[in-house]
Amino acid sequence: MELTDTFGRKINYLRLSVTDRCSMRCVYCMPAEGIPMLAHDDILSYEELLLIAETAVAAGIEKIRVTGGEPLVRKGIVPFLARLAAIPGLRQLVLTTNGLRLDEMAKSLRQAGVQRLNISLDSLRPETFACITRGAGLDRVLAGINAAERAGFPLKINMVVMRGVNDGEILDFAAMTLDRPVTVRFIEYMPAIRAENWESLIVPGETILEQIGRRFSFTSQERDGLAGPARTFRIAGAAGTIGVITPVSGHFCDECNRIRVTAAGRARSCLFADTAVDLRPFLVKGNEAGLSAALRDIVAHKPGRHSLAEAEQQHTPFAMSGIGG
């Protein structure tokens, strides 16, 4: 079975958030004053999340990425991930994490059936890292990355590049791929929370590539059918790869293959959509047919492109942890 939207895009990738809680307070994810947290009863149970996942896979989803907030702060996450991994027809189960708990959990995540990790890491400098995350310790994340490598995980490191904040580290991050089989992805700053003067923080993807190209030669790499929006490259002779994600300077919407469901059970066809579909009524009734129809309707109404960079069509500000970034 296959999910195809009205623009002919095959939709095979679900981003499934399990919590809006996070152990970091990154400046691009939420405002300084924080955000209201969901009440415990508003967060879907694991049984409800599993029903969504099973129904989505039966409808044509082949890849699930578990997100948050920070998914590893939720109690019982490892047994839940094992149940996801056992869904017939699911080809890839991956997880996004800030890395703070990986040192203790990497081995059990691997044993549960998680196939790959994406780790958010925006600076290799302790003071800059603490500033971006509003106080988190870099050493714990680096220890988590090392533990994940020991556990055998293929790793992706995600760096949100911000002008005047961490853009001086682009080459340091690119060099991480020279001797280690990791993928480092440079992500343009996205104005989710509409911080003041957000435009000044954006470093366009082409500028990032030009900077890397002045130090290293690299070639483009092919994407697979379950890949996300990154354009991928390999530095000559490198063990790993680099990638660039350009939501602002260069729409990647033509190749978008994703839908997402929040921890509260609200489904979106686009991260920057201002509307969402509440899946809870189908979960309460155990209405799998209705749930499947709702997911198909979300795909059918998926927009051709987001309007993130268009001033006349501004999205409603949101905290990324509440959506599942």
C-alpha atoms as a PDB file:
ATOM      1  CA  MET A   1       0.000   0.000   0.000  1.00  0.00           C
ATOM      2  CA  GLU A   2       1.238   3.505  -0.759  1.00  0.00           C
ATOM      3  CA  LEU A   3       0.425   7.048   0.400  1.00  0.00           C
ATOM      4  CA  THR A   4       0.682   9.661  -2.343  1.00  0.00           C
ATOM      5  CA  ASP A   5      -0.365  13.296  -2.055  1.00  0.00           C
ATOM      6  CA  THR A   6      -1.976  15.456  -4.732  1.00  0.00           C
ATOM      7  CA  PHE A   7       1.454  16.610  -5.931  1.00  0.00           C
ATOM      8  CA  GLY A   8       2.595  13.073  -6.649  1.00  0.00           C
ATOM      9  CA  ARG A   9       4.912  12.857  -3.623  1.00  0.00           C
ATOM     10  CA  LYS A  10       5.192   9.481  -1.942  1.00  0.00           C
ATOM     11  CA  ILE A  11       4.576   9.963   1.790  1.00  0.00           C
ATOM     12  CA  ASN A  12       6.422   7.213   3.629  1.00  0.00           C
ATOM     13  CA  TYR A  13       7.869   8.938   6.711  1.00  0.00           C
ATOM     14  CA  LEU A  14       6.144   9.653  10.044  1.00  0.00           C
ATOM     15  CA  ARG A  15       7.650  11.827  12.760  1.00  0.00           C
ATOM     16  CA  LEU A  16       6.021  10.664  15.992  1.00  0.00           C
ATOM     17  CA  SER A  17       6.451  12.791  19.120  1.00  0.00           C
ATOM     18  CA  VAL A  18       6.138  11.016  22.467  1.00  0.00           C
ATOM     19  CA  THR A  19       6.500  14.023  24.805  1.00  0.00           C
ATOM     20  CA  ASP A  20       6.763  17.794  24.869  1.00  0.00           C
ATOM     21  CA  ARG A  21       9.170  17.658  27.839  1.00  0.00           C
ATOM     22  CA  CYS A  22      12.840  18.354  27.224  1.00  0.00           C
ATOM     23  CA  SER A  23      15.981  18.416  29.352  1.00  0.00           C
ATOM     24  CA  MET A  24      17.345  21.396  27.382  1.00  0.00           C
ATOM     25  CA  ARG A  25      15.976  24.868  26.673  1.00  0.00           C
ATOM     26  CA  CYS A  26      17.578  25.646  23.317  1.00  0.00           C
ATOM     27  CA  VAL A  27      17.213  29.236  22.179  1.00  0.00           C
ATOM     28  CA  TYR A  28      15.793  28.346  18.747  1.00  0.00           C
ATOM     29  CA  CYS A  29      13.298  25.853  20.159  1.00  0.00           C
ATOM     30  CA  MET A  30      11.488  27.793  22.850  1.00  0.00           C
ATOM     31  CA  PRO A  31      11.356  31.320  24.308  1.00  0.00           C
ATOM     32  CA  ALA A  32      13.394  32.218  27.386  1.00  0.00           C
ATOM     33  CA  GLU A  33      10.309  32.143  29.612  1.00  0.00           C
ATOM     34  CA  GLY A  34       9.605  28.566  28.550  1.00  0.00           C
ATOM     35  CA  ILE A  35       6.279  27.175  27.367  1.00  0.00           C
ATOM     36  CA  PRO A  36       3.192  25.714  29.073  1.00  0.00           C
ATOM     37  CA  MET A  37       3.599  21.970  29.354  1.00  0.00           C
ATOM     38  CA  LEU A  38       0.899  19.513  28.370  1.00  0.00           C
ATOM     39  CA  ALA A  39      -0.996  17.998  31.269  1.00  0.00           C
ATOM     40  CA  HIS A  40      -0.241  14.329  31.869  1.00  0.00           C
ATOM     41  CA  ASP A  41      -3.687  13.297  30.625  1.00  0.00           C
ATOM     42  CA  ASP A  42      -3.197  15.259  27.409  1.00  0.00           C
ATOM     43  CA  ILE A  43      -0.185  13.198  26.342  1.00  0.00           C
ATOM     44  CA  LEU A  44      -1.026  10.079  24.383  1.00  0.00           C
ATOM     45  CA  SER A  45      -0.438   6.751  26.074  1.00  0.00           C
ATOM     46  CA  TYR A  46       2.005   4.315  24.549  1.00  0.00           C
ATOM     47  CA  GLU A  47      -0.940   2.150  23.466  1.00  0.00           C
ATOM     48  CA  GLU A  48      -2.432   5.100  21.593  1.00  0.00           C
ATOM     49  CA  LEU A  49       0.887   6.000  19.994  1.00  0.00           C
ATOM     50  CA  LEU A  50       1.382   2.378  18.968  1.00  0.00           C
ATOM     51  CA  LEU A  51      -2.067   2.304  17.353  1.00  0.00           C
ATOM     52  CA  ILE A  52      -1.197   5.410  15.329  1.00  0.00           C
ATOM     53  CA  ALA A  53       2.108   3.877  14.268  1.00  0.00           C
ATOM     54  CA  GLU A  54       0.579   0.527  13.286  1.00  0.00           C
ATOM     55  CA  THR A  55      -2.209   2.227  11.338  1.00  0.00           C
ATOM     56  CA  ALA A  56       0.254   4.531   9.582  1.00  0.00           C
ATOM     57  CA  VAL A  57       2.497   1.621   8.548  1.00  0.00           C
ATOM     58  CA  ALA A  58      -0.500  -0.325   7.279  1.00  0.00           C
ATOM     59  CA  ALA A  59      -1.409   2.739   5.185  1.00  0.00           C
ATOM     60  CA  GLY A  60       2.052   3.018   3.618  1.00  0.00           C
ATOM     61  CA  ILE A  61       4.455   4.591   6.124  1.00  0.00           C
ATOM     62  CA  GLU A  62       7.841   2.843   5.996  1.00  0.00           C
ATOM     63  CA  LYS A  63       9.943   4.994   8.332  1.00  0.00           C
ATOM     64  CA  ILE A  64       9.150   6.309  11.812  1.00  0.00           C
ATOM     65  CA  ARG A  65      11.268   8.850  13.630  1.00  0.00           C
ATOM     66  CA  VAL A  66      10.531   9.148  17.344  1.00  0.00           C
ATOM     67  CA  THR A  67      10.897  12.725  18.572  1.00  0.00           C
ATOM     68  CA  GLY A  68       9.951  15.037  21.438  1.00  0.00           C
ATOM     69  CA  GLY A  69      10.690  17.288  23.256  1.00  0.00           C
ATOM     70  CA  GLU A  70      13.354  14.851  24.315  1.00  0.00           C
ATOM     71  CA  PRO A  71      11.993  11.303  23.884  1.00  0.00           C
ATOM     72  CA  LEU A  72      14.458   9.727  26.304  1.00  0.00           C
ATOM     73  CA  VAL A  73      13.016  11.610  29.282  1.00  0.00           C
ATOM     74  CA  ARG A  74       9.747   9.687  29.022  1.00  0.00           C
ATOM     75  CA  LYS A  75       9.505   6.733  31.384  1.00  0.00           C
ATOM     76  CA  GLY A  76       9.152   3.387  29.643  1.00  0.00           C
ATOM     77  CA  ILE A  77      10.460   4.614  26.299  1.00  0.00           C
ATOM     78  CA  VAL A  78      12.718   1.621  25.598  1.00  0.00           C
ATOM     79  CA  PRO A  79       9.989  -1.065  25.777  1.00  0.00           C
ATOM     80  CA  PHE A  80       7.786   1.170  23.622  1.00  0.00           C
ATOM     81  CA  LEU A  81      10.527   1.476  21.013  1.00  0.00           C
ATOM     82  CA  ALA A  82      10.867  -2.315  20.958  1.00  0.00           C
ATOM     83  CA  ARG A  83       7.148  -2.579  20.181  1.00  0.00           C
ATOM     84  CA  LEU A  84       7.495  -0.052  17.371  1.00  0.00           C
ATOM     85  CA  ALA A  85      10.448  -1.952  15.926  1.00  0.00           C
ATOM     86  CA  ALA A  86       8.312  -5.106  15.766  1.00  0.00           C
ATOM     87  CA  ILE A  87       5.589  -3.558  13.568  1.00  0.00           C
ATOM     88  CA  PRO A  88       5.364  -5.640  10.366  1.00  0.00           C
ATOM     89  CA  GLY A  89       6.264  -3.584   7.307  1.00  0.00           C
ATOM     90  CA  LEU A  90       8.221  -0.896   9.131  1.00  0.00           C
ATOM     91  CA  ARG A  91      11.572  -0.547   7.362  1.00  0.00           C
ATOM     92  CA  GLN A  92      13.275   2.066   9.534  1.00  0.00           C
ATOM     93  CA  LEU A  93      12.943   3.084  13.177  1.00  0.00           C
ATOM     94  CA  VAL A  94      15.077   6.076  14.097  1.00  0.00           C
ATOM     95  CA  LEU A  95      15.192   8.466  17.042  1.00  0.00           C
ATOM     96  CA  THR A  96      16.141  12.106  17.552  1.00  0.00           C
ATOM     97  CA  THR A  97      17.749  13.019  20.870  1.00  0.00           C
ATOM     98  CA  ASN A  98      19.729  15.786  22.543  1.00  0.00           C
ATOM     99  CA  GLY A  99      22.177  13.132  23.734  1.00  0.00           C
ATOM    100  CA  LEU A 100      22.087  13.883  27.450  1.00  0.00           C
ATOM    101  CA  ARG A 101      20.941  10.358  28.383  1.00  0.00           C
ATOM    102  CA  LEU A 102      22.711   8.391  25.668  1.00  0.00           C
ATOM    103  CA  ASP A 103      25.683   7.439  27.811  1.00  0.00           C
ATOM    104  CA  GLU A 104      23.391   5.280  29.935  1.00  0.00           C
ATOM    105  CA  MET A 105      20.796   4.302  27.314  1.00  0.00           C
ATOM    106  CA  ALA A 106      22.574   3.759  23.993  1.00  0.00           C
ATOM    107  CA  LYS A 107      23.045   0.019  24.393  1.00  0.00           C
ATOM    108  CA  SER A 108      19.426  -0.619  25.408  1.00  0.00           C
ATOM    109  CA  LEU A 109      18.151   1.518  22.534  1.00  0.00           C
ATOM    110  CA  ARG A 110      20.161  -0.565  20.086  1.00  0.00           C
ATOM    111  CA  GLN A 111      18.868  -3.779  21.616  1.00  0.00           C
ATOM    112  CA  ALA A 112      15.290  -2.474  21.370  1.00  0.00           C
ATOM    113  CA  GLY A 113      15.625  -2.184  17.605  1.00  0.00           C
ATOM    114  CA  VAL A 114      16.337   1.487  17.014  1.00  0.00           C
ATOM    115  CA  GLN A 115      18.414   1.541  13.838  1.00  0.00           C
ATOM    116  CA  ARG A 116      19.839   5.050  13.795  1.00  0.00           C
ATOM    117  CA  LEU A 117      20.146   8.146  15.978  1.00  0.00           C
ATOM    118  CA  ASN A 118      20.027  11.837  15.163  1.00  0.00           C
ATOM    119  CA  ILE A 119      21.785  13.853  17.840  1.00  0.00           C
ATOM    120  CA  SER A 120      21.390  17.603  18.229  1.00  0.00           C
ATOM    121  CA  LEU A 121      24.770  19.244  18.803  1.00  0.00           C
ATOM    122  CA  ASP A 122      25.097  22.946  18.043  1.00  0.00           C
ATOM    123  CA  SER A 123      28.572  23.690  19.366  1.00  0.00           C
ATOM    124  CA  LEU A 124      31.811  21.942  20.298  1.00  0.00           C
ATOM    125  CA  ARG A 125      32.714  24.797  22.637  1.00  0.00           C
ATOM    126  CA  PRO A 126      31.421  24.369  26.205  1.00  0.00           C
ATOM    127  CA  GLU A 127      30.537  28.026  26.774  1.00  0.00           C
ATOM    128  CA  THR A 128      28.751  28.404  23.447  1.00  0.00           C
ATOM    129  CA  PHE A 129      26.923  25.121  23.958  1.00  0.00           C
ATOM    130  CA  ALA A 130      25.758  26.206  27.409  1.00  0.00           C
ATOM    131  CA  CYS A 131      24.562  29.514  25.988  1.00  0.00           C
ATOM    132  CA  ILE A 132      22.563  27.897  23.170  1.00  0.00           C
ATOM    133  CA  THR A 133      20.997  25.250  25.435  1.00  0.00           C
ATOM    134  CA  ARG A 134      20.591  27.627  28.391  1.00  0.00           C
ATOM    135  CA  GLY A 135      22.819  25.624  30.699  1.00  0.00           C
ATOM    136  CA  ALA A 136      23.292  22.042  29.462  1.00  0.00           C
ATOM    137  CA  GLY A 137      26.711  20.395  29.736  1.00  0.00           C
ATOM    138  CA  LEU A 138      28.592  19.563  26.536  1.00  0.00           C
ATOM    139  CA  ASP A 139      30.623  16.770  28.166  1.00  0.00           C
ATOM    140  CA  ARG A 140      27.490  14.658  28.755  1.00  0.00           C
ATOM    141  CA  VAL A 141      26.438  14.916  25.115  1.00  0.00           C
ATOM    142  CA  LEU A 142      29.910  14.028  23.829  1.00  0.00           C
ATOM    143  CA  ALA A 143      29.988  11.039  26.188  1.00  0.00           C
ATOM    144  CA  GLY A 144      26.593  10.013  24.819  1.00  0.00           C
ATOM    145  CA  ILE A 145      27.826  10.239  21.241  1.00  0.00           C
ATOM    146  CA  ASN A 146      30.781   8.011  22.102  1.00  0.00           C
ATOM    147  CA  ALA A 147      28.458   5.510  23.810  1.00  0.00           C
ATOM    148  CA  ALA A 148      26.194   5.447  20.748  1.00  0.00           C
ATOM    149  CA  GLU A 149      29.165   4.719  18.499  1.00  0.00           C
ATOM    150  CA  ARG A 150      30.265   1.886  20.787  1.00  0.00           C
ATOM    151  CA  ALA A 151      26.728   0.484  20.608  1.00  0.00           C
ATOM    152  CA  GLY A 152      27.035   0.343  16.823  1.00  0.00           C
ATOM    153  CA  PHE A 153      24.691   3.157  15.843  1.00  0.00           C
ATOM    154  CA  PRO A 154      25.067   4.981  12.542  1.00  0.00           C
ATOM    155  CA  LEU A 155      24.992   8.606  13.698  1.00  0.00           C
ATOM    156  CA  LYS A 156      23.735  11.889  12.345  1.00  0.00           C
ATOM    157  CA  ILE A 157      24.826  15.055  14.119  1.00  0.00           C
ATOM    158  CA  ASN A 158      22.483  18.009  13.603  1.00  0.00           C
ATOM    159  CA  MET A 159      23.912  21.533  13.926  1.00  0.00           C
ATOM    160  CA  VAL A 160      21.586  24.530  13.708  1.00  0.00           C
ATOM    161  CA  VAL A 161      23.858  27.237  12.308  1.00  0.00           C
ATOM    162  CA  MET A 162      23.347  30.744  13.715  1.00  0.00           C
ATOM    163  CA  ARG A 163      25.258  33.774  12.518  1.00  0.00           C
ATOM    164  CA  GLY A 164      27.399  35.291  15.220  1.00  0.00           C
ATOM    165  CA  VAL A 165      26.666  32.403  17.581  1.00  0.00           C
ATOM    166  CA  ASN A 166      28.225  29.196  16.264  1.00  0.00           C
ATOM    167  CA  ASP A 167      28.922  29.804  12.556  1.00  0.00           C
ATOM    168  CA  GLY A 168      32.627  29.988  13.355  1.00  0.00           C
ATOM    169  CA  GLU A 169      32.520  26.234  14.043  1.00  0.00           C
ATOM    170  CA  ILE A 170      31.276  25.072  10.643  1.00  0.00           C
ATOM    171  CA  LEU A 171      34.682  23.747   9.596  1.00  0.00           C
ATOM    172  CA  ASP A 172      35.179  22.040  12.960  1.00  0.00           C
ATOM    173  CA  PHE A 173      31.921  20.159  12.459  1.00  0.00           C
ATOM    174  CA  ALA A 174      32.733  19.284   8.865  1.00  0.00           C
ATOM    175  CA  ALA A 175      36.073  17.874  10.019  1.00  0.00           C
ATOM    176  CA  MET A 176      34.240  15.447  12.334  1.00  0.00           C
ATOM    177  CA  THR A 177      33.413  13.407   9.221  1.00  0.00           C
ATOM    178  CA  LEU A 178      37.014  12.964   8.099  1.00  0.00           C
ATOM    179  CA  ASP A 179      37.867  10.015  10.337  1.00  0.00           C
ATOM    180  CA  ARG A 180      34.469   8.974  11.709  1.00  0.00           C
ATOM    181  CA  PRO A 181      31.590   7.414   9.714  1.00  0.00           C
ATOM    182  CA  VAL A 182      29.115  10.044  10.900  1.00  0.00           C
ATOM    183  CA  THR A 183      26.852  12.396   8.989  1.00  0.00           C
ATOM    184  CA  VAL A 184      26.976  16.036  10.066  1.00  0.00           C
ATOM    185  CA  ARG A 185      23.997  18.072   8.906  1.00  0.00           C
ATOM    186  CA  PHE A 186      24.036  21.844   8.884  1.00  0.00           C
ATOM    187  CA  ILE A 187      20.525  23.246   9.334  1.00  0.00           C
ATOM    188  CA  GLU A 188      19.513  26.808   8.574  1.00  0.00           C
ATOM    189  CA  TYR A 189      18.047  28.628  11.546  1.00  0.00           C
ATOM    190  CA  MET A 190      14.254  28.359  11.339  1.00  0.00           C
ATOM    191  CA  PRO A 191      12.131  31.154  12.864  1.00  0.00           C
ATOM    192  CA  ALA A 192       9.706  28.857  14.666  1.00  0.00           C
ATOM    193  CA  ILE A 193       9.302  31.159  17.684  1.00  0.00           C
ATOM    194  CA  ARG A 194       9.711  34.372  15.637  1.00  0.00           C
ATOM    195  CA  ALA A 195      12.477  35.777  17.844  1.00  0.00           C
ATOM    196  CA  GLU A 196      13.297  39.439  17.308  1.00  0.00           C
ATOM    197  CA  ASN A 197      15.643  40.008  14.328  1.00  0.00           C
ATOM    198  CA  TRP A 198      15.553  36.304  13.483  1.00  0.00           C
ATOM    199  CA  GLU A 199      16.574  37.029   9.898  1.00  0.00           C
ATOM    200  CA  SER A 200      20.020  38.157  11.065  1.00  0.00           C
ATOM    201  CA  LEU A 201      20.725  34.681  12.477  1.00  0.00           C
ATOM    202  CA  ILE A 202      20.260  32.825   9.195  1.00  0.00           C
ATOM    203  CA  VAL A 203      23.349  31.525   7.423  1.00  0.00           C
ATOM    204  CA  PRO A 204      22.157  30.308   4.000  1.00  0.00           C
ATOM    205  CA  GLY A 205      23.035  26.765   3.021  1.00  0.00           C
ATOM    206  CA  GLU A 206      25.022  27.917   0.012  1.00  0.00           C
ATOM    207  CA  THR A 207      27.138  30.126   2.287  1.00  0.00           C
ATOM    208  CA  ILE A 208      27.813  27.108   4.511  1.00  0.00           C
ATOM    209  CA  LEU A 209      28.892  25.032   1.518  1.00  0.00           C
ATOM    210  CA  GLU A 210      31.085  27.842   0.185  1.00  0.00           C
ATOM    211  CA  GLN A 211      32.863  28.078   3.518  1.00  0.00           C
ATOM    212  CA  ILE A 212      33.459  24.323   3.630  1.00  0.00           C
ATOM    213  CA  GLY A 213      34.563  24.354  -0.006  1.00  0.00           C
ATOM    214  CA  ARG A 214      37.333  26.851   0.743  1.00  0.00           C
ATOM    215  CA  ARG A 215      38.929  24.233   3.018  1.00  0.00           C
ATOM    216  CA  PHE A 216      37.787  20.894   1.604  1.00  0.00           C
ATOM    217  CA  SER A 217      36.783  19.528  -1.780  1.00  0.00           C
ATOM    218  CA  PHE A 218      33.545  17.543  -1.749  1.00  0.00           C
ATOM    219  CA  THR A 219      31.119  15.801  -4.095  1.00  0.00           C
ATOM    220  CA  SER A 220      27.348  15.319  -4.039  1.00  0.00           C
ATOM    221  CA  GLN A 221      25.883  12.018  -2.835  1.00  0.00           C
ATOM    222  CA  GLU A 222      22.640  10.330  -3.876  1.00  0.00           C
ATOM    223  CA  ARG A 223      19.641  10.303  -1.527  1.00  0.00           C
ATOM    224  CA  ASP A 224      17.635   7.174  -0.765  1.00  0.00           C
ATOM    225  CA  GLY A 225      13.850   7.028  -0.886  1.00  0.00           C
ATOM    226  CA  LEU A 226      13.415   7.270   2.888  1.00  0.00           C
ATOM    227  CA  ALA A 227      15.824  10.152   3.401  1.00  0.00           C
ATOM    228  CA  GLY A 228      14.893  13.484   4.881  1.00  0.00           C
ATOM    229  CA  PRO A 229      15.354  16.892   3.258  1.00  0.00           C
ATOM    230  CA  ALA A 230      19.143  17.183   3.403  1.00  0.00           C
ATOM    231  CA  ARG A 231      21.383  17.530   0.373  1.00  0.00           C
ATOM    232  CA  THR A 232      24.302  15.240   1.140  1.00  0.00           C
ATOM    233  CA  PHE A 233      27.988  15.548   0.221  1.00  0.00           C
ATOM    234  CA  ARG A 234      31.223  13.738   0.994  1.00  0.00           C
ATOM    235  CA  ILE A 235      34.542  15.454   1.587  1.00  0.00           C
ATOM    236  CA  ALA A 236      37.246  13.795  -0.507  1.00  0.00           C
ATOM    237  CA  GLY A 237      38.561  10.754   1.375  1.00  0.00           C
ATOM    238  CA  ALA A 238      36.228  11.264   4.365  1.00  0.00           C
ATOM    239  CA  ALA A 239      34.744   8.360   6.309  1.00  0.00           C
ATOM    240  CA  GLY A 240      31.463  10.222   6.830  1.00  0.00           C
ATOM    241  CA  THR A 241      29.286  12.735   5.015  1.00  0.00           C
ATOM    242  CA  ILE A 242      28.005  16.268   5.423  1.00  0.00           C
ATOM    243  CA  GLY A 243      24.509  17.516   4.668  1.00  0.00           C
ATOM    244  CA  VAL A 244      22.746  20.853   4.346  1.00  0.00           C
ATOM    245  CA  ILE A 245      19.078  21.495   5.145  1.00  0.00           C
ATOM    246  CA  THR A 246      17.749  24.781   3.751  1.00  0.00           C
ATOM    247  CA  PRO A 247      14.153  25.438   4.872  1.00  0.00           C
ATOM    248  CA  VAL A 248      14.490  29.222   4.418  1.00  0.00           C
ATOM    249  CA  SER A 249      16.867  29.914   1.524  1.00  0.00           C
ATOM    250  CA  GLY A 250      15.869  26.940  -0.592  1.00  0.00           C
ATOM    251  CA  HIS A 251      12.533  25.142  -0.304  1.00  0.00           C
ATOM    252  CA  PHE A 252      12.940  21.373  -0.210  1.00  0.00           C
ATOM    253  CA  CYS A 253       9.176  20.876  -0.323  1.00  0.00           C
ATOM    254  CA  ASP A 254       9.132  19.238  -3.758  1.00  0.00           C
ATOM    255  CA  GLU A 255      10.717  16.149  -2.199  1.00  0.00           C
ATOM    256  CA  CYS A 256       8.914  16.239   1.158  1.00  0.00           C
ATOM    257  CA  ASN A 257       7.830  12.749   2.202  1.00  0.00           C
ATOM    258  CA  ARG A 258       6.712  13.432   5.796  1.00  0.00           C
ATOM    259  CA  ILE A 259       3.754  13.850   8.083  1.00  0.00           C
ATOM    260  CA  ARG A 260       3.991  14.297  11.839  1.00  0.00           C
ATOM    261  CA  VAL A 261       1.946  13.578  14.951  1.00  0.00           C
ATOM    262  CA  THR A 262       2.414  15.460  18.223  1.00  0.00           C
ATOM    263  CA  ALA A 263       2.453  13.898  21.682  1.00  0.00           C
ATOM    264  CA  ALA A 264      -1.091  15.241  22.126  1.00  0.00           C
ATOM    265  CA  GLY A 265      -2.311  13.380  19.046  1.00  0.00           C
ATOM    266  CA  ARG A 266      -2.518  16.273  16.618  1.00  0.00           C
ATOM    267  CA  ALA A 267      -1.423  15.391  13.096  1.00  0.00           C
ATOM    268  CA  ARG A 268       0.193  17.864  10.715  1.00  0.00           C
ATOM    269  CA  SER A 269       1.075  17.546   7.072  1.00  0.00           C
ATOM    270  CA  CYS A 270       3.734  20.285   7.395  1.00  0.00           C
ATOM    271  CA  LEU A 271       5.806  21.566  10.304  1.00  0.00           C
ATOM    272  CA  PHE A 272       4.782  25.142   9.533  1.00  0.00           C
ATOM    273  CA  ALA A 273       1.094  24.487   8.943  1.00  0.00           C
ATOM    274  CA  ASP A 274      -1.249  26.478  11.166  1.00  0.00           C
ATOM    275  CA  THR A 275      -3.821  23.701  11.243  1.00  0.00           C
ATOM    276  CA  ALA A 276      -3.755  20.188  12.637  1.00  0.00           C
ATOM    277  CA  VAL A 277      -6.130  17.234  12.833  1.00  0.00           C
ATOM    278  CA  ASP A 278      -7.018  15.821  16.244  1.00  0.00           C
ATOM    279  CA  LEU A 279      -6.651  12.038  16.133  1.00  0.00           C
ATOM    280  CA  ARG A 280      -7.915  11.461  19.680  1.00  0.00           C
ATOM    281  CA  PRO A 281     -11.562  10.760  18.751  1.00  0.00           C
ATOM    282  CA  PHE A 282     -10.442   7.796  16.646  1.00  0.00           C
ATOM    283  CA  LEU A 283      -8.189   6.530  19.434  1.00  0.00           C
ATOM    284  CA  VAL A 284     -10.864   6.703  22.134  1.00  0.00           C
ATOM    285  CA  LYS A 285     -13.249   4.667  20.024  1.00  0.00           C
ATOM    286  CA  GLY A 286     -10.594   2.286  18.764  1.00  0.00           C
ATOM    287  CA  ASN A 287     -11.688   3.267  15.268  1.00  0.00           C
ATOM    288  CA  GLU A 288      -8.785   2.036  13.146  1.00  0.00           C
ATOM    289  CA  ALA A 289     -10.669   2.573   9.887  1.00  0.00           C
ATOM    290  CA  GLY A 290     -11.452   6.150  10.871  1.00  0.00           C
ATOM    291  CA  LEU A 291      -7.868   6.714  11.978  1.00  0.00           C
ATOM    292  CA  SER A 292      -6.540   5.387   8.673  1.00  0.00           C
ATOM    293  CA  ALA A 293      -8.956   7.627   6.759  1.00  0.00           C
ATOM    294  CA  ALA A 294      -7.846  10.642   8.828  1.00  0.00           C
ATOM    295  CA  LEU A 295      -4.186   9.987   8.062  1.00  0.00           C
ATOM    296  CA  ARG A 296      -4.988   9.641   4.366  1.00  0.00           C
ATOM    297  CA  ASP A 297      -6.930  12.904   4.465  1.00  0.00           C
ATOM    298  CA  ILE A 298      -3.929  14.650   6.027  1.00  0.00           C
ATOM    299  CA  VAL A 299      -1.775  13.405   3.166  1.00  0.00           C
ATOM    300  CA  ALA A 300      -4.407  14.468   0.627  1.00  0.00           C
ATOM    301  CA  HIS A 301      -4.352  18.028   2.002  1.00  0.00           C
ATOM    302  CA  LYS A 302      -0.588  18.312   2.300  1.00  0.00           C
ATOM    303  CA  PRO A 303       0.443  21.706   0.826  1.00  0.00           C
ATOM    304  CA  GLY A 304       2.749  21.976  -2.133  1.00  0.00           C
ATOM    305  CA  ARG A 305       5.193  24.061  -0.102  1.00  0.00           C
ATOM    306  CA  HIS A 306       5.441  25.946   3.167  1.00  0.00           C
ATOM    307  CA  SER A 307       5.466  29.737   3.306  1.00  0.00           C
ATOM    308  CA  LEU A 308       8.221  30.099   5.882  1.00  0.00           C
ATOM    309  CA  ALA A 309      10.237  32.731   4.058  1.00  0.00           C
ATOM    310  CA  GLU A 310       7.279  34.653   2.675  1.00  0.00           C
ATOM    311  CA  ALA A 311       6.614  37.770   4.746  1.00  0.00           C
ATOM    312  CA  GLU A 312       2.999  38.032   3.668  1.00  0.00           C
ATOM    313  CA  GLN A 313       2.221  34.515   4.903  1.00  0.00           C
ATOM    314  CA  GLN A 314       3.717  34.250   8.383  1.00  0.00           C
ATOM    315  CA  HIS A 315       3.070  31.130  10.414  1.00  0.00           C
ATOM    316  CA  THR A 316       1.883  31.231  13.985  1.00  0.00           C
ATOM    317  CA  PRO A 317       4.931  31.095  16.311  1.00  0.00           C
ATOM    318  CA  PHE A 318       5.401  27.788  18.149  1.00  0.00           C
ATOM    319  CA  ALA A 319       7.889  25.989  20.345  1.00  0.00           C
ATOM    320  CA  MET A 320       9.526  23.162  18.393  1.00  0.00           C
ATOM    321  CA  SER A 321       9.307  20.878  21.433  1.00  0.00           C
ATOM    322  CA  GLY A 322       5.523  21.102  21.295  1.00  0.00           C
ATOM    323  CA  ILE A 323       5.357  19.954  17.669  1.00  0.00           C
ATOM    324  CA  GLY A 324       8.146  17.412  17.444  1.00  0.00           C
ATOM    325  CA  GLY A 325      10.959  18.965  15.459  1.00  0.00           C
END
